Amino acid sequence: NPSIKSLVVGVSGGIDSAVVSTLAASTGLPTYALGMPIHQKEEQETLSDAHLEWLENNFSNVIVQKFDLSRVFDTFQFTMREFGADKLALANSRSRLRMVTLYQVAGTVGGIVVGTGNKVEDYGVGFYTKYGDGGVDIAPIADLYKTEVWELGKHLGVDQRIIDAQPTDGLWDDGRTDEDQIGTSYNMLEWVMEKGLTEDPMFLNEEQTKAVNAYQRFNTQNKHKMLSIPTFKL
């Protein structure tokens, strides 16, 4: 699309954003790669910084920016203190602050926001924040399973530490992983999406049953993110 002047993508230190930012950089378009820590665990911020530096060193069209949103988040939390006790709501607010930041940059440079969600997150379990990391303009890896993203990362030369890191959304102070939250691994969720839902439950082992149940629970509770907004039709 010739009207797209630049690409804007957040870099978290995880494999999905590492792959997407590298793909964006590979287009040759001006690519704004943003680090947006909010009280981030040191290991997450270290990996994010390392990837940002790698992008800057390998692509002349990449513009790296780092915005520490910790004080912005703290001010927001203090301002909302009457409604600020729910940890899940606060985790989602972190994601939405990042979305606002990405669109502020995109609006200033005439760019579009590039999504980093994979197939399991976006179309399986709905493991993303509505109007947070779900608020994007294009979704280049949303038809790739996590295992395919890992393979693509290897092909693109992404830092092995990022490939090996436990997947996490980075929205919680206790550093919980995606598997901690979902209750099963990405490999098992991919099995569910490809085969598990059509298998006879009688013949599933304990791990498979656990994965199917986790998938169905998250898919059901997050369906509102994946469907069009309910609208009254006159």
Protein backbone atom coordinates (compact mmCIF):
# COMPACT_ATOMS: atom_id res chain seq x y z
CA ASN A 1 0.00 0.00 0.00
CA PRO A 2 1.79 3.15 -1.18
CA SER A 3 -0.08 5.32 1.34
CA ILE A 4 1.72 3.63 4.25
CA LYS A 5 4.65 5.85 5.15
CA SER A 6 6.05 3.89 8.09
CA LEU A 7 5.52 0.97 10.46
CA VAL A 8 5.27 1.19 14.25
CA VAL A 9 5.76 -1.86 16.47
CA GLY A 10 6.26 -2.48 20.16
CA VAL A 11 9.19 -4.66 21.23
CA SER A 12 8.64 -6.54 24.50
CA GLY A 13 11.56 -8.97 24.59
CA GLY A 14 9.34 -11.87 23.49
CA ILE A 15 9.55 -13.95 20.31
CA ASP A 16 6.37 -12.60 18.69
CA SER A 17 7.39 -8.93 18.80
CA ALA A 18 10.97 -9.84 17.87
CA VAL A 19 9.80 -11.63 14.71
CA VAL A 20 7.24 -8.97 13.77
CA SER A 21 9.65 -6.08 14.25
CA THR A 22 12.26 -7.89 12.15
CA LEU A 23 9.71 -8.54 9.39
CA ALA A 24 8.66 -4.88 9.53
CA ALA A 25 12.27 -3.75 9.29
CA SER A 26 12.81 -6.09 6.33
CA THR A 27 10.22 -4.19 4.26
CA GLY A 28 12.62 -1.26 3.94
CA LEU A 29 9.95 1.15 5.17
CA PRO A 30 10.87 3.44 8.06
CA THR A 31 10.19 1.24 11.07
CA TYR A 32 9.72 2.68 14.54
CA ALA A 33 10.59 0.00 17.11
CA LEU A 34 9.38 1.00 20.56
CA GLY A 35 10.42 -0.29 23.95
CA MET A 36 7.70 0.54 26.50
CA PRO A 37 8.62 -0.89 29.92
CA ILE A 38 6.18 -0.57 32.82
CA HIS A 39 7.91 -1.79 35.99
CA GLN A 40 9.34 -4.55 33.79
CA LYS A 41 11.22 -7.56 35.09
CA GLU A 42 14.93 -7.03 34.44
CA GLU A 43 15.25 -10.09 32.20
CA GLN A 44 12.35 -8.93 30.00
CA GLU A 45 13.73 -5.42 29.60
CA THR A 46 17.23 -6.79 28.93
CA LEU A 47 15.93 -8.93 26.05
CA SER A 48 13.86 -6.04 24.68
CA ASP A 49 16.88 -3.71 24.78
CA ALA A 50 19.07 -6.34 23.13
CA HIS A 51 16.63 -6.81 20.26
CA LEU A 52 16.19 -3.06 19.79
CA GLU A 53 19.96 -2.68 19.58
CA TRP A 54 20.18 -5.60 17.12
CA LEU A 55 17.51 -4.01 14.90
CA GLU A 56 19.30 -0.67 14.97
CA ASN A 57 22.61 -2.29 14.05
CA ASN A 58 21.22 -4.42 11.24
CA PHE A 59 18.63 -2.16 9.56
CA SER A 60 19.33 1.42 8.50
CA ASN A 61 15.58 2.10 8.23
CA VAL A 62 14.85 1.30 11.91
CA ILE A 63 14.30 4.13 14.38
CA VAL A 64 14.50 2.88 17.98
CA GLN A 65 12.60 4.70 20.69
CA LYS A 66 12.28 3.80 24.36
CA PHE A 67 9.49 5.20 26.49
CA ASP A 68 9.46 4.15 30.14
CA LEU A 69 5.76 4.29 30.99
CA SER A 70 6.20 3.31 34.66
CA ARG A 71 5.51 6.81 36.00
CA VAL A 72 2.59 7.26 33.60
CA PHE A 73 1.13 3.99 34.89
CA ASP A 74 1.75 4.96 38.53
CA THR A 75 0.00 8.30 38.01
CA PHE A 76 -2.91 6.55 36.29
CA GLN A 77 -3.15 4.01 39.12
CA PHE A 78 -3.11 6.76 41.76
CA THR A 79 -5.71 8.81 39.90
CA MET A 80 -7.94 5.72 39.61
CA ARG A 81 -7.33 4.59 43.20
CA GLU A 82 -11.07 4.25 43.94
CA PHE A 83 -11.23 1.69 41.12
CA GLY A 84 -7.63 0.53 41.19
CA ALA A 85 -7.57 -2.68 43.20
CA ASP A 86 -8.39 -5.22 40.50
CA LYS A 87 -5.10 -6.73 39.31
CA LEU A 88 -6.47 -8.00 35.98
CA ALA A 89 -7.92 -4.58 35.16
CA LEU A 90 -4.54 -3.00 35.96
CA ALA A 91 -2.71 -5.55 33.80
CA ASN A 92 -5.03 -4.68 30.90
CA SER A 93 -4.49 -0.97 31.54
CA ARG A 94 -0.73 -1.49 31.13
CA SER A 95 -1.39 -2.99 27.71
CA ARG A 96 -3.73 -0.16 26.75
CA LEU A 97 -1.17 2.49 27.75
CA ARG A 98 1.22 0.85 25.30
CA MET A 99 -1.43 0.89 22.58
CA VAL A 100 -1.97 4.63 23.16
CA THR A 101 1.79 5.17 22.89
CA LEU A 102 2.07 3.21 19.64
CA TYR A 103 -0.79 5.18 18.07
CA GLN A 104 0.61 8.50 19.28
CA VAL A 105 3.84 7.72 17.43
CA ALA A 106 1.99 6.31 14.40
CA GLY A 107 -0.21 9.40 14.19
CA THR A 108 2.82 11.66 14.31
CA VAL A 109 4.90 9.84 11.67
CA GLY A 110 2.06 8.81 9.36
CA GLY A 111 2.52 5.16 10.23
CA ILE A 112 0.42 2.12 11.01
CA VAL A 113 0.60 -0.05 14.12
CA VAL A 114 1.81 -3.59 13.44
CA GLY A 115 0.27 -6.33 15.60
CA THR A 116 2.32 -9.04 17.27
CA GLY A 117 -0.38 -11.61 18.08
CA ASN A 118 -0.03 -15.21 16.87
CA LYS A 119 -2.78 -17.64 15.79
CA VAL A 120 -3.24 -19.29 19.20
CA GLU A 121 -3.56 -15.94 20.98
CA ASP A 122 -5.69 -14.13 18.40
CA TYR A 123 -8.02 -16.88 17.17
CA GLY A 124 -7.74 -19.66 19.74
CA VAL A 125 -7.74 -18.56 23.36
CA GLY A 126 -8.12 -14.80 22.89
CA PHE A 127 -5.02 -14.22 25.00
CA TYR A 128 -4.63 -10.49 24.46
CA THR A 129 -6.06 -7.25 25.82
CA LYS A 130 -9.10 -5.85 24.08
CA TYR A 131 -8.07 -2.41 22.76
CA GLY A 132 -4.58 -3.03 24.14
CA ASP A 133 -2.26 -5.31 22.18
CA GLY A 134 -5.42 -6.27 20.27
CA GLY A 135 -5.62 -2.69 18.94
CA VAL A 136 -3.59 -2.83 15.72
CA ASP A 137 -3.81 -2.03 12.01
CA ILE A 138 -2.24 -5.15 10.49
CA ALA A 139 -1.52 -8.61 11.93
CA PRO A 140 1.33 -10.27 10.02
CA ILE A 141 1.75 -13.41 12.19
CA ALA A 142 -1.86 -13.98 13.27
CA ASP A 143 -2.08 -17.04 11.02
CA LEU A 144 1.13 -18.57 12.43
CA TYR A 145 1.20 -20.93 15.38
CA LYS A 146 3.70 -20.15 18.15
CA THR A 147 5.94 -23.04 17.07
CA GLU A 148 6.02 -21.53 13.56
CA VAL A 149 6.92 -18.13 15.03
CA TRP A 150 9.83 -19.73 16.92
CA GLU A 151 11.04 -21.35 13.67
CA LEU A 152 10.71 -18.07 11.78
CA GLY A 153 12.65 -16.36 14.55
CA LYS A 154 15.54 -18.80 14.09
CA HIS A 155 15.46 -18.19 10.32
CA LEU A 156 15.55 -14.40 10.82
CA GLY A 157 18.47 -14.56 13.24
CA VAL A 158 16.60 -13.50 16.37
CA ASP A 159 18.64 -13.70 19.59
CA GLN A 160 18.60 -17.29 20.90
CA ARG A 161 17.80 -15.99 24.41
CA ILE A 162 14.52 -14.61 23.08
CA ILE A 163 13.71 -17.89 21.34
CA ASP A 164 14.43 -19.81 24.54
CA ALA A 165 12.60 -17.46 26.93
CA GLN A 166 9.38 -18.61 28.58
CA PRO A 167 6.49 -16.80 26.84
CA THR A 168 4.93 -14.10 29.06
CA ASP A 169 2.69 -11.11 28.48
CA GLY A 170 4.85 -9.09 30.88
CA LEU A 171 1.83 -7.43 32.49
CA TRP A 172 2.18 -8.81 36.02
CA ASP A 173 4.58 -7.87 38.80
CA ASP A 174 4.99 -11.53 39.81
CA GLY A 175 6.41 -12.44 36.38
CA ARG A 176 3.84 -15.15 35.64
CA THR A 177 4.24 -16.93 32.31
CA ASP A 178 1.58 -17.52 29.66
CA GLU A 179 1.47 -21.20 30.65
CA ASP A 180 0.91 -20.22 34.29
CA GLN A 181 -2.10 -18.18 33.23
CA ILE A 182 -3.60 -20.49 30.61
CA GLY A 183 -2.82 -23.76 32.35
CA THR A 184 -1.22 -25.55 29.41
CA SER A 185 1.54 -25.02 26.83
CA TYR A 186 1.37 -23.44 23.38
CA ASN A 187 2.32 -26.82 21.88
CA MET A 188 -0.73 -28.41 23.49
CA LEU A 189 -3.01 -25.54 22.49
CA GLU A 190 -1.87 -25.99 18.90
CA TRP A 191 -2.67 -29.70 19.16
CA VAL A 192 -6.16 -28.77 20.40
CA MET A 193 -6.76 -26.37 17.51
CA GLU A 194 -5.51 -28.87 14.91
CA LYS A 195 -6.83 -32.17 16.29
CA GLY A 196 -8.00 -32.15 19.89
CA LEU A 197 -11.47 -30.73 19.42
CA THR A 198 -12.45 -33.55 17.06
CA GLU A 199 -10.96 -36.37 19.16
CA ASP A 200 -13.17 -38.63 21.27
CA PRO A 201 -12.77 -37.36 24.89
CA MET A 202 -12.82 -40.97 26.05
CA PHE A 203 -9.43 -41.60 24.45
CA LEU A 204 -7.59 -38.46 25.61
CA ASN A 205 -4.84 -38.71 28.21
CA GLU A 206 -4.69 -36.40 31.23
CA GLU A 207 -2.49 -33.78 29.56
CA GLN A 208 -4.68 -33.69 26.46
CA THR A 209 -7.88 -33.41 28.51
CA LYS A 210 -6.38 -30.56 30.51
CA ALA A 211 -5.40 -28.76 27.30
CA VAL A 212 -8.85 -29.16 25.71
CA ASN A 213 -10.55 -27.90 28.86
CA ALA A 214 -8.21 -24.89 29.10
CA TYR A 215 -8.73 -24.06 25.43
CA GLN A 216 -12.51 -24.28 25.66
CA ARG A 217 -12.61 -22.21 28.85
CA PHE A 218 -10.51 -19.37 27.43
CA ASN A 219 -12.11 -19.52 23.99
CA THR A 220 -15.55 -19.16 25.57
CA GLN A 221 -14.74 -16.40 28.04
CA ASN A 222 -12.74 -14.41 25.46
CA LYS A 223 -15.11 -14.88 22.53
CA HIS A 224 -16.26 -11.25 22.91
CA LYS A 225 -12.79 -10.12 21.80
CA MET A 226 -12.92 -12.15 18.60
CA LEU A 227 -16.43 -11.24 17.46
CA SER A 228 -17.82 -8.02 16.05
CA ILE A 229 -19.23 -5.59 18.59
CA PRO A 230 -22.93 -6.42 19.25
CA THR A 231 -24.97 -3.73 17.56
CA PHE A 232 -28.64 -2.93 17.75
CA LYS A 233 -29.99 -2.96 14.17
CA LEU A 234 -32.86 -0.56 13.52
